[in-house]
């Protein structure tokens, strides 16, 4: 029996779910506004965020949204990378991020 297009559907759905899981809008701590800001600075996936890091991503967003990019966004970005809620980012990591930001 020949497989028709519908037989590929489960595989395609899995692929779409996988792609969606890596888009910034589906990451922990990243809401619609943060997702738009990140896309505006060229960060559209978890891979992009991992490549540039939380501090550089924050710097880029702060350049285009200086009044809205608070340190909570930096914590949220780091939390997304660690897959934890932004309020659970340890204080020593927050301090390290601030040090890197100020460098």
Protein backbone atom coordinates (compact mmCIF):
# COMPACT_ATOMS: atom_id res chain seq x y z
CA UNK A 1 0.00 0.00 0.00
CA UNK A 2 1.33 3.41 -0.97
CA UNK A 3 1.60 6.04 1.75
CA UNK A 4 -0.31 9.23 0.99
CA UNK A 5 0.37 12.79 2.15
CA UNK A 6 -1.64 12.23 5.33
CA UNK A 7 0.84 9.59 6.45
CA UNK A 8 3.47 12.34 6.78
CA UNK A 9 1.22 14.49 8.97
CA UNK A 10 2.38 13.17 12.38
CA UNK A 11 6.01 13.73 11.43
CA UNK A 12 5.31 17.23 10.15
CA UNK A 13 3.37 18.13 13.28
CA UNK A 14 6.28 16.95 15.40
CA UNK A 15 8.66 19.05 13.33
CA UNK A 16 6.47 22.15 13.69
CA UNK A 17 6.25 21.61 17.45
CA UNK A 18 10.03 21.27 17.62
CA UNK A 19 10.53 24.49 15.65
CA UNK A 20 7.96 26.29 17.82
CA UNK A 21 9.76 25.12 20.96
CA UNK A 22 12.89 26.91 19.81
CA UNK A 23 11.18 30.21 18.89
CA UNK A 24 11.68 32.92 21.52
CA UNK A 25 7.95 33.45 21.94
CA UNK A 26 7.63 29.92 23.32
CA UNK A 27 10.50 30.21 25.79
CA UNK A 28 9.99 30.59 29.50
CA UNK A 29 9.79 34.25 30.66
CA UNK A 30 9.43 35.67 27.14
CA UNK A 31 6.07 37.33 26.55
CA UNK A 32 4.70 39.00 23.43
CA UNK A 33 6.43 42.37 23.97
CA UNK A 34 9.81 40.82 24.77
CA UNK A 35 9.45 38.52 21.79
CA UNK A 36 8.84 41.51 19.49
CA UNK A 37 11.82 43.39 20.91
CA UNK A 38 14.07 40.38 20.48
CA UNK A 39 12.90 39.82 16.91
CA UNK A 40 13.57 43.49 16.17
CA UNK A 41 17.21 43.00 17.16
CA UNK A 42 17.62 39.75 15.25
CA UNK A 43 17.04 37.24 18.03
CA UNK A 44 14.26 34.89 17.01
CA UNK A 45 15.24 31.53 18.46
CA UNK A 46 16.75 29.88 21.48
CA UNK A 47 19.82 29.23 19.36
CA UNK A 48 20.13 32.97 18.61
CA UNK A 49 19.81 33.81 22.31
CA UNK A 50 22.36 31.16 23.27
CA UNK A 51 24.76 32.48 20.61
CA UNK A 52 24.68 36.13 21.76
CA UNK A 53 23.96 35.57 25.45
CA UNK A 54 21.58 37.31 27.81
CA UNK A 55 23.70 40.43 28.31
CA UNK A 56 24.23 41.17 24.61
CA UNK A 57 20.56 40.48 23.87
CA UNK A 58 19.61 42.88 26.67
CA UNK A 59 22.00 45.54 25.34
CA UNK A 60 20.47 45.28 21.88
CA UNK A 61 16.93 45.57 23.20
CA UNK A 62 17.88 48.46 25.49
CA UNK A 63 19.15 50.36 22.44
CA UNK A 64 15.74 50.25 20.78
CA UNK A 65 13.57 50.29 23.92
CA UNK A 66 15.57 52.22 26.54
CA UNK A 67 12.55 53.15 28.65
CA UNK A 68 11.15 49.61 28.73
CA UNK A 69 14.21 47.37 29.01
CA UNK A 70 14.64 46.96 32.77
CA UNK A 71 16.91 44.53 34.55
CA UNK A 72 13.89 42.24 34.85
CA UNK A 73 14.29 41.63 31.12
CA UNK A 74 17.91 40.65 31.67
CA UNK A 75 16.84 38.22 34.40
CA UNK A 76 14.11 36.89 32.10
CA UNK A 77 16.60 36.29 29.29
CA UNK A 78 19.00 34.48 31.61
CA UNK A 79 16.13 32.50 33.07
CA UNK A 80 15.08 31.51 29.56
CA UNK A 81 18.59 30.24 28.89
CA UNK A 82 18.55 28.30 32.16
CA UNK A 83 14.91 27.20 31.69
CA UNK A 84 13.91 28.65 35.05
CA UNK A 85 11.55 31.43 36.10
CA UNK A 86 13.27 34.81 36.06
CA UNK A 87 12.73 35.29 39.79
CA UNK A 88 14.67 32.08 40.41
CA UNK A 89 17.89 33.30 38.77
CA UNK A 90 20.41 33.10 41.64
CA UNK A 91 21.71 36.39 43.04
CA UNK A 92 25.32 35.51 42.20
CA UNK A 93 24.37 35.03 38.54
CA UNK A 94 22.43 38.32 38.57
CA UNK A 95 25.53 40.06 39.94
CA UNK A 96 27.69 38.42 37.28
CA UNK A 97 25.28 39.66 34.59
CA UNK A 98 25.39 43.20 36.01
CA UNK A 99 29.19 43.07 36.09
CA UNK A 100 29.27 41.97 32.47
CA UNK A 101 26.77 44.66 31.53
CA UNK A 102 28.86 47.35 33.22
CA UNK A 103 32.14 46.14 31.68
